[in-house]
Amino acid sequence: MRVIMPRFSHRLALKIVLPFAALTLAIGAVGTLTATGELNARSQEGFDSQLVHDGFVTQSMVVAADNERRAILRLLANGPGLSQNWDKTATLTAWLERALTIHPNVIVEAVDTSGHEIVGVVGRGSLADTVTQNHDLSSWPGVSNMLSGGVDSLDVVASAPRPAVFAGQPVHNAAGILLGAVLVGDYLDDRTATIKASVHDDITYYDVNGQVLSTSLSLPPAQWSSLALDSSTRSSVTPTSVVELSRTAGGPGTEILSPWTVRTANLGFVGTTASSAGLLADTNQLRIILVTLFLAGVLFTLAIGIWLARRITRPVHRLVEATRLVSAGDLEHQAPVTTKDEIGELTDSFNQMTRSLRDKSASLRITMTQLQDTYLMTIEALAAAVEARDPYTHGHTQRVEEYAVIMAEALGCDEAEVNAIRRASVLHDIGKIGIEDTILRKQGRLEPEEELRMQRHPVIGVDMLKGIDFLDPVLALIRNHHERWDGNGYPDQLREDEIPMGARILAVADALDAMTSDRPYRAARTFEYAKNEILKGSATHFDPEVVTAFIKSQRAIEELLREAAEEELVDHPEADDLGGWRLHVAGR
């Protein structure tokens, strides 16, 4: 059978796959051609339209910035404060800073009649970090002409030390005497950043000679020369005609150039560069179309293939499904025998094997359950033997289990968590088998070294039980049932939610029984005393949520205490907090 089935399966796969594989390839070819044509048409059209639109937006923002600069200039020049404070440099500086409070990126230069700077201020109000004086601005284009009366206003680009564009006009006093001029501008790199944030394209400012003044492209200034415009390109750019350039510097892209004109002054050119990476959106569209076509083809192919395969191989599929169910653990399943050929014989043989496995598995489960019960009984007997070493702790684990289960149910723990708490309650002190009798039965308080030895019992207990698979859920509860909410417990100094919930419940139950039971070093306390001590320990010793559950469950717990009491409980108060439990925290 192992020789025949692979050859049969191979021939069957060829019969089903070959025709549908050819169909899939045909669908893929048609889909590729269709998607490629769609991409070429849509991506080129969309890219060109978006670039033109962004160029118009860039021009409108450039014009808006120039108008805003000119409006601020008129506001400053026509205001009385400028001429009145012209000869008082400190007062003039303060006045300009106040005037520019709401214009953080504006630059103001006040120059005397010879073109020397009286004061230069970068607007940031009282936070102005750039105030300059005594620079010679007479060499700026048009400044000397305006101061000599040749023009009554100008627009100029200052290329150094940080490229900026300015609008200026003369300043006269009340008598009409020329005092100098005021220039209002802003840095071009601030402009490029602002426009780029709006149009999401890179912006470049060029001077009239085609040299780069500022750009948002990711290029160091040393490489800006690669962007320079030649004379042919510059002459092609007019107010009614723009130019498109292909760019590779700073990444592949297309740049649209337009003139940079303020009123009648030609300051240079403005370029808007759209990265070719934008075409990725169209490429993604192509991929979506291709994937859609391929998926449709594959689904169609699979649908036909499945239909034919079911007709041809239905008995084989039923047997395969049966093997899956059996391998998943359903040994009751029997594969239907629908044919009398080799597949039918194989199916019948498989059913016989499944019945045999079912019988042997049932026997094995019974044996494992008996073994697990025996193992647990042995461990519980060992835990009982530990209790028997100390007559004062007789019945301790049973009472802790009852208290812990009541609180766990009050907290809404599920059945698995409650069962883990039950087992942990029985086994939580099993590690005391490794503690000397002289420590366990000592009358009075333990010495520091004895306390450290006693604090090892949770770790000893876990070491004894680890490796027993069905006890894995209780190991953390045993190890951490002496941890404190504030992190001062042992053995791991866990705190708050780091402590497993079951261990937090055991801590309260353990403390309750420790205080309401006789100990070698003191008599049993009353339930009221224990309750008050547990309340005092909330958020320090114990989880506040568990303490709340304990208070809600106090009637049921008191009933257990009354039923289990063999002696009258007498209140023996001590001065220290949690006095009845402190030694128990140390391990007792």
Protein backbone atom coordinates (compact mmCIF):
# COMPACT_ATOMS: atom_id res chain seq x y z
CA MET A 1 0.00 0.00 0.00
CA ARG A 2 2.84 2.42 0.78
CA VAL A 3 4.16 1.85 -2.76
CA ILE A 4 0.87 2.17 -4.63
CA MET A 5 -0.67 5.22 -2.87
CA PRO A 6 2.05 7.82 -3.73
CA ARG A 7 1.86 6.92 -7.45
CA PHE A 8 -1.91 7.07 -7.36
CA SER A 9 -1.83 10.43 -5.52
CA HIS A 10 0.68 11.85 -7.98
CA ARG A 11 -1.39 10.87 -11.05
CA LEU A 12 -4.53 12.23 -9.41
CA ALA A 13 -2.82 15.56 -8.64
CA LEU A 14 -1.72 15.90 -12.26
CA LYS A 15 -5.21 15.23 -13.54
CA ILE A 16 -6.63 17.98 -11.34
CA VAL A 17 -3.85 20.56 -11.28
CA LEU A 18 -2.61 20.78 -14.88
CA PRO A 19 -5.72 22.19 -16.57
CA PHE A 20 -6.43 24.61 -13.77
CA ALA A 21 -2.79 25.73 -13.60
CA ALA A 22 -3.02 26.73 -17.27
CA LEU A 23 -6.23 28.60 -16.54
CA THR A 24 -4.62 30.44 -13.64
CA LEU A 25 -1.67 31.52 -15.81
CA ALA A 26 -4.03 32.83 -18.47
CA ILE A 27 -5.98 34.85 -15.92
CA GLY A 28 -2.72 36.19 -14.47
CA ALA A 29 -1.48 37.32 -17.88
CA VAL A 30 -4.72 39.12 -18.68
CA GLY A 31 -4.75 40.71 -15.24
CA THR A 32 -1.16 41.92 -15.54
CA LEU A 33 -1.78 43.56 -18.91
CA THR A 34 -4.97 45.21 -17.71
CA ALA A 35 -3.41 46.52 -14.48
CA THR A 36 -0.27 47.79 -16.25
CA GLY A 37 -2.31 49.80 -18.73
CA GLU A 38 -4.47 51.18 -15.94
CA LEU A 39 -1.39 52.25 -13.99
CA ASN A 40 0.26 54.01 -16.91
CA ALA A 41 -2.84 56.04 -17.67
CA ARG A 42 -3.93 56.92 -14.16
CA SER A 43 -0.56 57.47 -12.50
CA GLN A 44 0.75 59.85 -15.17
CA GLU A 45 -2.46 61.85 -15.25
CA GLY A 46 -2.70 62.03 -11.48
CA PHE A 47 0.97 62.95 -11.02
CA ASP A 48 0.85 65.77 -13.58
CA SER A 49 -2.41 67.17 -12.22
CA GLN A 50 -1.18 67.11 -8.64
CA LEU A 51 2.10 68.79 -9.54
CA VAL A 52 0.33 71.62 -11.40
CA HIS A 53 -2.07 72.05 -8.50
CA ASP A 54 0.79 72.16 -5.98
CA GLY A 55 2.58 74.73 -8.15
CA PHE A 56 -0.47 77.01 -8.06
CA VAL A 57 -0.76 76.54 -4.28
CA THR A 58 2.93 77.37 -3.87
CA GLN A 59 2.55 80.57 -5.92
CA SER A 60 -0.48 81.63 -3.90
CA MET A 61 1.38 81.06 -0.63
CA VAL A 62 4.41 83.01 -1.91
CA VAL A 63 2.14 85.92 -2.84
CA ALA A 64 0.34 85.70 0.50
CA ALA A 65 3.65 85.81 2.39
CA ASP A 66 4.81 88.82 0.37
CA ASN A 67 1.52 90.62 1.04
CA GLU A 68 1.75 89.85 4.74
CA ARG A 69 5.32 91.19 4.86
CA ARG A 70 4.22 94.37 3.08
CA ALA A 71 1.27 94.80 5.47
CA ILE A 72 3.53 94.50 8.53
CA LEU A 73 5.90 97.03 6.95
CA ARG A 74 3.10 99.56 6.50
CA LEU A 75 1.89 98.97 10.05
CA LEU A 76 5.34 99.66 11.51
CA ALA A 77 6.31 102.53 9.22
CA ASN A 78 3.06 104.44 9.63
CA GLY A 79 2.83 103.98 13.38
CA PRO A 80 3.95 106.88 15.61
CA GLY A 81 6.11 104.67 17.81
CA LEU A 82 8.77 104.07 15.14
CA SER A 83 9.70 107.69 14.39
CA GLN A 84 9.26 108.80 18.01
CA ASN A 85 11.75 106.19 19.27
CA TRP A 86 14.11 106.34 16.31
CA ASP A 87 17.00 107.94 18.20
CA LYS A 88 16.52 105.78 21.31
CA THR A 89 18.00 102.42 20.42
CA ALA A 90 16.93 100.53 23.57
CA THR A 91 13.41 101.96 23.49
CA LEU A 92 13.15 101.29 19.74
CA THR A 93 14.28 97.68 20.25
CA ALA A 94 11.70 97.11 22.99
CA TRP A 95 8.96 98.72 20.89
CA LEU A 96 9.78 96.51 17.90
CA GLU A 97 9.81 93.38 20.07
CA ARG A 98 6.37 94.20 21.42
CA ALA A 99 5.05 94.98 17.97
CA LEU A 100 6.29 91.63 16.64
CA THR A 101 4.96 89.46 19.45
CA ILE A 102 2.45 87.70 17.18
CA HIS A 103 4.91 87.48 14.26
CA PRO A 104 7.63 85.12 15.55
CA ASN A 105 9.35 84.63 12.19
CA VAL A 106 9.47 88.26 11.03
CA ILE A 107 12.78 90.17 10.78
CA VAL A 108 12.90 93.97 11.15
CA GLU A 109 15.92 96.08 10.22
CA ALA A 110 16.03 99.80 11.07
CA VAL A 111 18.82 101.66 9.22
CA ASP A 112 19.96 105.28 9.34
CA THR A 113 20.31 107.55 6.32
CA SER A 114 23.72 106.10 5.48
CA GLY A 115 22.44 102.52 5.44
CA HIS A 116 23.99 101.49 8.76
CA GLU A 117 21.90 99.30 11.00
CA ILE A 118 20.43 100.98 14.06
CA VAL A 119 18.89 97.75 15.31
CA GLY A 120 17.84 94.41 13.82
CA VAL A 121 15.26 92.26 15.57
CA VAL A 122 13.90 88.77 14.92
CA GLY A 123 10.33 88.78 16.16
CA ARG A 124 9.65 86.59 19.19
CA GLY A 125 8.38 89.23 21.57
CA SER A 126 10.16 89.17 24.92
CA LEU A 127 11.88 85.94 23.84
CA ALA A 128 13.79 87.62 21.01
CA ASP A 129 17.11 85.81 20.74
CA THR A 130 18.56 87.83 17.85
CA VAL A 131 19.16 91.55 18.20
CA THR A 132 21.91 93.04 16.02
CA GLN A 133 23.38 96.52 15.59
CA ASN A 134 25.81 98.49 13.43
CA HIS A 135 25.76 96.20 10.35
CA ASP A 136 26.26 98.03 7.06
CA LEU A 137 23.23 97.32 4.88
CA SER A 138 23.99 100.03 2.28
CA SER A 139 25.35 97.35 -0.06
CA TRP A 140 21.98 95.59 -0.24
CA PRO A 141 20.46 96.11 -3.70
CA GLY A 142 18.30 99.22 -3.81
CA VAL A 143 18.86 100.36 -0.20
CA SER A 144 21.12 103.31 -1.06
CA ASN A 145 18.80 104.33 -3.90
CA MET A 146 15.79 104.34 -1.57
CA LEU A 147 17.66 106.36 1.10
CA SER A 148 18.67 108.92 -1.53
CA GLY A 149 15.05 109.39 -2.57
CA GLY A 150 15.26 107.43 -5.81
CA VAL A 151 12.36 105.10 -4.82
CA ASP A 152 9.83 105.13 -2.04
CA SER A 153 9.85 101.37 -1.50
CA LEU A 154 11.81 98.26 -2.44
CA ASP A 155 11.78 94.46 -2.35
CA VAL A 156 15.17 92.83 -1.94
CA VAL A 157 16.71 89.42 -1.29
CA ALA A 158 19.59 89.28 1.19
CA SER A 159 21.58 86.12 0.53
CA ALA A 160 23.90 86.19 3.54
CA PRO A 161 24.43 85.14 6.20
CA ARG A 162 20.99 83.45 6.14
CA PRO A 163 18.95 84.07 2.98
CA ALA A 164 15.93 86.27 3.59
CA VAL A 165 13.55 88.47 1.59
CA PHE A 166 12.73 92.04 2.70
CA ALA A 167 10.32 94.82 1.85
CA GLY A 168 11.43 98.35 2.82
CA GLN A 169 10.37 101.97 2.82
CA PRO A 170 11.78 105.27 4.17
CA VAL A 171 10.94 106.59 7.64
CA HIS A 172 10.25 110.33 8.18
CA ASN A 173 9.59 112.26 11.32
CA ALA A 174 6.57 114.50 11.89
CA ALA A 175 8.34 117.35 10.07
CA GLY A 176 8.92 115.16 7.01
CA ILE A 177 12.67 114.88 7.56
CA LEU A 178 14.17 111.54 6.46
CA LEU A 179 15.32 109.51 9.46
CA GLY A 180 16.33 106.36 7.62
CA ALA A 181 14.44 103.28 6.47
CA VAL A 182 12.77 100.20 7.92
CA LEU A 183 12.91 96.77 6.26
CA VAL A 184 10.59 93.87 7.13
CA GLY A 185 11.41 90.34 6.00
CA ASP A 186 11.48 86.66 6.80
CA TYR A 187 13.93 83.82 6.32
CA LEU A 188 13.50 81.75 3.19
CA ASP A 189 14.14 78.44 4.96
CA ASP A 190 11.15 79.22 7.22
CA ARG A 191 9.11 79.88 4.08
CA THR A 192 10.12 76.61 2.40
CA ALA A 193 9.24 74.64 5.52
CA THR A 194 5.83 76.32 5.81
CA ILE A 195 4.90 75.76 2.17
CA LYS A 196 6.17 72.16 2.20
CA ALA A 197 4.00 71.41 5.21
CA SER A 198 1.00 72.55 3.16
CA VAL A 199 1.62 71.07 -0.28
CA HIS A 200 3.77 68.10 0.85
CA ASP A 201 6.23 68.82 -1.97
CA ASP A 202 9.76 70.21 -1.75
CA ILE A 203 10.17 73.98 -2.34
CA THR A 204 13.28 75.72 -3.73
CA TYR A 205 13.92 79.49 -3.99
CA TYR A 206 16.36 80.66 -6.70
CA ASP A 207 17.84 84.11 -7.21
CA VAL A 208 17.68 85.91 -10.55
CA ASN A 209 20.90 84.14 -11.63
CA GLY A 210 19.38 80.71 -10.97
CA GLN A 211 21.44 80.01 -7.85
CA VAL A 212 19.72 78.27 -4.93
CA LEU A 213 18.87 80.55 -2.04
CA SER A 214 16.97 77.99 0.06
CA THR A 215 15.49 74.52 -0.46
CA SER A 216 13.61 71.92 1.56
CA LEU A 217 15.26 69.10 -0.40
CA SER A 218 17.45 66.79 1.66
CA LEU A 219 20.66 68.16 0.22
CA PRO A 220 23.61 69.79 2.03
CA PRO A 221 24.37 73.34 0.88
CA ALA A 222 27.57 72.13 -0.79
CA GLN A 223 25.41 70.25 -3.33
CA TRP A 224 22.98 73.07 -4.06
CA SER A 225 24.99 74.03 -7.12
CA SER A 226 23.66 70.89 -8.85
CA LEU A 227 20.21 72.50 -8.77
CA ALA A 228 21.29 75.78 -10.41
CA LEU A 229 19.21 76.94 -13.39
CA ASP A 230 20.96 77.62 -16.67
CA SER A 231 20.18 80.70 -18.76
CA SER A 232 18.00 78.77 -21.20
CA THR A 233 15.78 77.50 -18.42
CA ARG A 234 15.57 80.93 -16.76
CA SER A 235 14.57 82.60 -20.00
CA SER A 236 11.80 80.05 -20.53
CA VAL A 237 10.07 80.93 -17.26
CA THR A 238 7.57 83.78 -17.65
CA PRO A 239 4.49 84.92 -15.72
CA THR A 240 2.36 83.05 -18.26
CA SER A 241 4.61 80.04 -18.81
CA VAL A 242 6.08 77.52 -16.37
CA VAL A 243 8.82 74.93 -16.94
CA GLU A 244 9.04 71.31 -15.85
CA LEU A 245 12.43 69.80 -15.00
CA SER A 246 13.45 66.27 -14.15
CA ARG A 247 15.46 66.14 -10.94
CA THR A 248 17.75 63.46 -9.53
CA ALA A 249 19.45 65.42 -6.75
CA GLY A 250 17.77 64.69 -3.45
CA GLY A 251 15.94 61.76 -5.03
CA PRO A 252 14.11 61.33 -8.35
CA GLY A 253 11.35 63.84 -8.98
CA THR A 254 9.85 66.48 -11.25
CA GLU A 255 10.13 70.22 -10.58
CA ILE A 256 7.79 72.90 -11.88
CA LEU A 257 9.36 76.40 -12.05
CA SER A 258 7.47 79.69 -11.85
CA PRO A 259 8.67 83.32 -11.56
CA TRP A 260 9.10 84.93 -8.15
CA THR A 261 7.79 88.42 -8.65
CA VAL A 262 6.79 90.95 -5.98
CA ARG A 263 4.82 93.83 -7.48
CA THR A 264 7.18 94.85 -10.30
CA ALA A 265 10.37 93.43 -8.80
CA ASN A 266 11.69 90.15 -10.19
CA LEU A 267 13.39 88.43 -7.26
CA GLY A 268 14.10 85.08 -8.92
CA PHE A 269 12.25 81.77 -9.28
CA VAL A 270 10.28 79.35 -7.13
CA GLY A 271 10.41 75.60 -7.79
CA THR A 272 7.91 72.98 -6.59
CA THR A 273 9.38 69.46 -6.71
CA ALA A 274 7.16 66.38 -6.47
CA SER A 275 9.03 63.23 -5.58
CA SER A 276 8.60 60.27 -7.90
CA ALA A 277 7.97 58.30 -4.74
CA GLY A 278 4.44 59.62 -5.07
CA LEU A 279 4.00 57.17 -7.90
CA LEU A 280 4.11 54.42 -5.28
CA ALA A 281 0.44 55.08 -4.69
CA ASP A 282 -0.28 54.09 -8.30
CA THR A 283 2.09 51.16 -8.01
CA ASN A 284 0.15 50.01 -4.97
CA GLN A 285 -3.01 50.36 -7.00
CA LEU A 286 -1.49 48.09 -9.61
CA ARG A 287 -0.63 45.58 -6.96
CA ILE A 288 -4.18 45.68 -5.64
CA ILE A 289 -5.55 45.07 -9.12
CA LEU A 290 -3.07 42.25 -9.74
CA VAL A 291 -3.79 40.63 -6.40
CA THR A 292 -7.52 40.94 -6.97
CA LEU A 293 -7.27 39.32 -10.39
CA PHE A 294 -4.97 36.58 -9.19
CA LEU A 295 -7.12 35.87 -6.16
CA ALA A 296 -10.22 35.73 -8.32
CA GLY A 297 -8.46 33.35 -10.68
CA VAL A 298 -7.11 31.21 -7.87
CA LEU A 299 -10.48 31.07 -6.13
CA PHE A 300 -12.21 30.15 -9.37
CA THR A 301 -9.57 27.53 -10.05
CA LEU A 302 -9.83 26.12 -6.57
CA ALA A 303 -13.61 26.02 -6.76
CA ILE A 304 -13.52 23.93 -9.94
CA GLY A 305 -10.63 21.83 -8.61
CA ILE A 306 -12.43 21.11 -5.36
CA TRP A 307 -15.59 20.15 -7.20
CA LEU A 308 -13.72 17.68 -9.40
CA ALA A 309 -11.52 16.43 -6.55
CA ARG A 310 -14.56 15.63 -4.44
CA ARG A 311 -16.05 13.58 -7.22
CA ILE A 312 -12.83 11.70 -7.78
CA THR A 313 -11.38 11.40 -4.28
CA ARG A 314 -14.36 11.60 -1.90
CA PRO A 315 -13.52 8.21 -0.27
CA VAL A 316 -9.91 9.29 0.22
CA HIS A 317 -10.98 12.59 1.78
CA ARG A 318 -13.28 10.79 4.20
CA LEU A 319 -10.45 8.57 5.30
CA VAL A 320 -8.09 11.57 5.65
CA GLU A 321 -10.69 13.38 7.73
CA ALA A 322 -11.06 10.30 9.93
CA THR A 323 -7.29 10.17 10.51
CA ARG A 324 -7.33 13.84 11.52
CA LEU A 325 -10.15 13.32 14.00
CA VAL A 326 -8.45 10.29 15.50
CA SER A 327 -5.08 12.05 15.70
CA ALA A 328 -6.86 14.92 17.49
CA GLY A 329 -8.07 12.44 20.11
CA ASP A 330 -11.51 11.36 18.88
CA LEU A 331 -11.04 7.60 19.14
CA GLU A 332 -14.79 7.01 18.92
CA HIS A 333 -14.89 8.09 15.29
CA GLN A 334 -15.28 5.43 12.59
CA ALA A 335 -14.67 6.23 8.94
CA PRO A 336 -17.59 5.22 6.68
CA VAL A 337 -16.80 2.35 4.30
CA THR A 338 -18.48 3.33 1.03
CA THR A 339 -16.49 1.29 -1.52
CA LYS A 340 -15.30 -2.30 -1.88
CA ASP A 341 -12.00 -1.52 -3.52
CA GLU A 342 -8.56 -1.02 -1.96
CA ILE A 343 -9.70 2.26 -0.34
CA GLY A 344 -12.59 0.42 1.31
CA GLU A 345 -10.23 -2.26 2.64
CA LEU A 346 -7.86 0.41 3.93
CA THR A 347 -10.76 2.20 5.64
CA ASP A 348 -11.91 -1.00 7.35
CA SER A 349 -8.36 -1.71 8.53
CA PHE A 350 -8.12 1.84 9.85
CA ASN A 351 -11.37 1.44 11.82
CA GLN A 352 -10.07 -1.75 13.41
CA MET A 353 -6.89 0.06 14.43
CA THR A 354 -8.93 2.93 15.91
CA ARG A 355 -11.04 0.54 18.00
CA SER A 356 -7.90 -1.08 19.34
CA LEU A 357 -6.40 2.31 20.20
CA ARG A 358 -9.65 3.36 21.92
CA ASP A 359 -9.64 0.28 24.17
CA LYS A 360 -5.98 0.69 25.07
CA SER A 361 -6.37 4.45 25.66
CA ALA A 362 -9.29 3.93 28.04
CA SER A 363 -7.25 1.42 30.02
CA LEU A 364 -4.31 3.82 30.10
CA ARG A 365 -6.48 6.72 31.33
CA ILE A 366 -7.78 4.62 34.19
CA THR A 367 -4.24 3.65 35.13
CA MET A 368 -3.02 7.26 34.95
CA THR A 369 -5.93 8.50 37.07
CA GLN A 370 -5.22 5.86 39.70
CA LEU A 371 -1.52 6.71 39.63
CA GLN A 372 -2.21 10.44 39.96
CA ASP A 373 -4.62 9.88 42.85
CA THR A 374 -2.08 7.65 44.56
CA TYR A 375 0.66 10.21 44.02
CA LEU A 376 -1.51 13.02 45.43
CA MET A 377 -2.58 10.92 48.41
CA THR A 378 1.08 10.18 49.14
CA ILE A 379 1.96 13.87 49.04
CA GLU A 380 -1.05 14.79 51.17
CA ALA A 381 -0.07 12.11 53.67
CA LEU A 382 3.40 13.65 53.72
CA ALA A 383 1.83 17.05 54.38
CA ALA A 384 -0.22 15.53 57.18
CA ALA A 385 2.95 14.05 58.62
CA VAL A 386 4.45 17.52 58.69
CA GLU A 387 1.45 18.77 60.69
CA ALA A 388 1.78 15.82 63.01
CA ARG A 389 5.27 16.97 63.98
CA ASP A 390 3.68 20.01 65.64
CA PRO A 391 0.51 19.33 67.69
CA TYR A 392 -0.34 23.03 67.61
CA THR A 393 -0.85 22.99 63.81
CA HIS A 394 -3.14 19.96 63.72
CA GLY A 395 -5.93 20.56 61.18
CA HIS A 396 -4.24 23.74 59.96
CA THR A 397 -4.23 22.83 56.25
CA GLN A 398 -7.90 21.76 56.29
CA ARG A 399 -8.99 25.02 57.91
CA VAL A 400 -6.82 27.10 55.57
CA GLU A 401 -8.37 25.27 52.62
CA GLU A 402 -11.93 26.02 53.84
CA TYR A 403 -11.21 29.71 54.46
CA ALA A 404 -9.35 30.12 51.15
CA VAL A 405 -12.09 28.47 49.09
CA ILE A 406 -14.75 30.73 50.63
CA MET A 407 -12.73 33.85 49.78
CA ALA A 408 -11.84 32.57 46.30
CA GLU A 409 -15.51 32.02 45.49
CA ALA A 410 -16.34 35.49 46.84
CA LEU A 411 -13.72 36.91 44.45
CA GLY A 412 -15.28 35.08 41.49
CA CYS A 413 -12.41 32.67 40.84
CA ASP A 414 -13.22 29.97 38.27
CA GLU A 415 -13.27 26.24 39.01
CA ALA A 416 -9.66 25.65 37.90
CA GLU A 417 -8.40 28.45 40.16
CA VAL A 418 -10.44 27.17 43.13
CA ASN A 419 -9.08 23.63 42.62
CA ALA A 420 -5.52 24.98 42.50
CA ILE A 421 -6.16 26.90 45.74
CA ARG A 422 -7.53 23.71 47.35
CA ARG A 423 -4.40 21.75 46.54
CA ALA A 424 -2.09 24.61 47.45
CA SER A 425 -3.86 24.93 50.83
CA VAL A 426 -3.16 21.28 51.59
CA LEU A 427 0.46 21.45 50.42
CA HIS A 428 1.48 25.00 51.29
CA ASP A 429 3.50 24.01 54.37
CA ILE A 430 4.91 20.74 53.04
CA GLY A 431 8.34 22.36 52.85
CA LYS A 432 8.44 22.37 56.69
CA ILE A 433 9.52 18.76 56.41
CA GLY A 434 12.96 20.21 55.81
CA ILE A 435 12.84 22.35 59.00
CA GLU A 436 14.28 21.03 62.24
CA ASP A 437 11.90 20.09 65.08
CA THR A 438 13.82 22.39 67.40
CA ILE A 439 12.63 25.32 65.29
CA LEU A 440 9.11 24.07 64.59
CA ARG A 441 8.36 23.31 68.25
CA LYS A 442 10.30 26.13 69.84
CA GLN A 443 8.48 27.82 72.70
CA GLY A 444 8.81 31.60 72.17
CA ARG A 445 10.17 33.74 69.39
CA LEU A 446 12.67 32.49 66.86
CA GLU A 447 16.19 33.82 66.63
CA PRO A 448 17.09 35.69 63.41
CA GLU A 449 19.00 32.69 62.02
CA GLU A 450 16.08 30.42 62.90
CA GLU A 451 13.64 32.79 61.15
CA LEU A 452 15.77 32.71 57.99
CA ARG A 453 15.80 28.92 58.14
CA MET A 454 12.02 28.83 58.64
CA GLN A 455 11.55 31.21 55.68
CA ARG A 456 13.08 28.57 53.42
CA HIS A 457 10.06 26.25 53.74
CA PRO A 458 8.12 27.63 50.68
CA VAL A 459 11.19 27.10 48.49
CA ILE A 460 11.78 23.64 49.94
CA GLY A 461 8.15 22.75 49.24
CA VAL A 462 8.38 23.85 45.61
CA ASP A 463 11.63 21.94 45.14
CA MET A 464 9.91 18.81 46.47
CA LEU A 465 6.90 19.13 44.13
CA LYS A 466 8.38 20.47 40.92
CA GLY A 467 8.47 17.96 38.13
CA ILE A 468 4.98 16.71 38.98
CA ASP A 469 3.06 17.98 35.97
CA PHE A 470 -0.44 18.04 37.46
CA LEU A 471 0.85 20.14 40.39
CA ASP A 472 2.39 22.86 38.20
CA PRO A 473 -0.57 25.29 38.77
CA VAL A 474 -0.04 25.24 42.55
CA LEU A 475 3.74 25.72 42.71
CA ALA A 476 3.61 29.53 42.48
CA LEU A 477 0.92 29.63 45.20
CA ILE A 478 3.05 27.49 47.54
CA ARG A 479 6.19 29.54 46.88
CA ASN A 480 4.55 32.95 47.32
CA HIS A 481 1.95 32.46 50.07
CA HIS A 482 4.20 34.38 52.52
CA GLU A 483 4.75 37.36 50.19
CA ARG A 484 3.42 40.72 51.40
CA TRP A 485 1.45 43.31 49.46
CA ASP A 486 4.12 45.94 50.24
CA GLY A 487 6.99 43.75 49.00
CA ASN A 488 8.46 42.92 52.43
CA GLY A 489 7.54 39.24 52.38
CA TYR A 490 9.56 36.21 51.35
CA PRO A 491 11.12 34.40 49.56
CA ASP A 492 11.05 36.68 46.46
CA GLN A 493 9.92 40.05 47.92
CA LEU A 494 7.14 40.28 45.33
CA ARG A 495 4.66 43.12 45.68
CA GLU A 496 1.05 43.85 44.75
CA ASP A 497 -0.09 42.22 41.48
CA GLU A 498 3.25 40.45 41.06
CA ILE A 499 1.95 38.01 43.69
CA PRO A 500 -0.42 35.35 42.22
CA MET A 501 -4.03 35.86 43.29
CA GLY A 502 -4.17 32.38 44.82
CA ALA A 503 -1.11 33.16 46.96
CA ARG A 504 -2.71 36.43 48.14
CA ILE A 505 -5.82 34.50 49.19
CA LEU A 506 -3.72 31.86 50.99
CA ALA A 507 -1.85 34.62 52.86
CA VAL A 508 -5.09 35.89 54.45
CA ALA A 509 -6.43 32.38 55.13
CA ASP A 510 -3.10 31.27 56.61
CA ALA A 511 -2.88 34.36 58.82
CA LEU A 512 -6.48 33.92 60.00
CA ASP A 513 -5.90 30.32 61.11
CA ALA A 514 -2.56 31.22 62.65
CA MET A 515 -4.20 33.87 64.85
CA THR A 516 -7.30 31.81 65.78
CA SER A 517 -5.29 28.68 66.67
CA ASP A 518 -3.15 27.91 69.69
CA ARG A 519 0.59 28.29 69.19
CA PRO A 520 3.52 27.32 71.43
CA TYR A 521 4.18 31.01 72.10
CA ARG A 522 0.60 32.21 72.72
CA ALA A 523 -3.04 31.12 73.04
CA ALA A 524 -5.61 31.38 70.21
CA ARG A 525 -7.17 34.75 69.44
CA THR A 526 -10.86 35.43 68.82
CA PHE A 527 -12.19 35.91 65.31
CA GLU A 528 -12.87 39.59 66.02
CA TYR A 529 -9.27 40.10 67.06
CA ALA A 530 -8.01 38.31 63.93
CA LYS A 531 -10.39 40.31 61.72
CA ASN A 532 -9.14 43.61 63.14
CA GLU A 533 -5.53 42.57 62.64
CA ILE A 534 -6.18 41.59 59.03
CA LEU A 535 -7.89 44.92 58.43
CA LYS A 536 -4.84 46.68 59.87
CA GLY A 537 -2.67 44.72 57.46
CA SER A 538 -4.68 45.69 54.39
CA ALA A 539 -2.45 47.30 51.72
CA THR A 540 0.67 46.40 53.73
CA HIS A 541 0.56 42.69 54.52
CA PHE A 542 -2.47 41.76 52.43
CA ASP A 543 -4.16 42.54 49.12
CA PRO A 544 -7.00 45.03 49.89
CA GLU A 545 -9.26 43.21 47.43
CA VAL A 546 -8.78 39.90 49.26
CA VAL A 547 -9.35 41.61 52.62
CA THR A 548 -12.64 42.97 51.26
CA ALA A 549 -13.65 39.45 50.20
CA PHE A 550 -12.70 38.19 53.66
CA ILE A 551 -14.96 40.79 55.33
CA LYS A 552 -17.83 39.93 52.98
CA SER A 553 -17.38 36.24 53.84
CA GLN A 554 -16.94 36.64 57.60
CA ARG A 555 -20.28 35.01 58.49
CA ALA A 556 -19.43 31.81 56.63
CA ILE A 557 -15.92 31.81 58.13
CA GLU A 558 -17.21 32.39 61.65
CA GLU A 559 -19.61 29.49 61.19
CA LEU A 560 -16.68 27.24 60.23
CA LEU A 561 -14.79 28.40 63.31
CA ARG A 562 -17.72 27.62 65.59
CA GLU A 563 -18.18 24.17 64.06
CA ALA A 564 -14.47 23.32 64.22
CA ALA A 565 -13.71 24.79 67.64
CA GLU A 566 -12.58 22.25 70.19
CA GLU A 567 -11.68 24.75 72.87
CA GLU A 568 -13.00 28.14 73.91
CA LEU A 569 -11.15 30.92 72.12
CA VAL A 570 -9.94 33.58 74.47
CA ASP A 571 -8.72 37.00 73.42
CA HIS A 572 -5.13 37.55 74.53
CA PRO A 573 -4.30 40.97 73.12
CA GLU A 574 -0.76 42.16 72.76
CA ALA A 575 0.50 45.68 72.21
CA ASP A 576 2.16 45.17 68.84
CA ASP A 577 0.22 45.29 65.54
CA LEU A 578 -0.57 41.90 64.07
CA GLY A 579 0.97 40.53 67.22
CA GLY A 580 -0.78 37.23 66.84
CA TRP A 581 0.61 36.73 63.38
CA ARG A 582 4.10 38.24 63.35
CA LEU A 583 5.76 34.97 64.28
CA HIS A 584 3.66 33.23 61.67
CA VAL A 585 4.98 35.68 59.04
CA ALA A 586 8.44 34.52 59.98
CA GLY A 587 7.36 31.05 59.10
CA ARG A 588 5.35 29.79 62.05
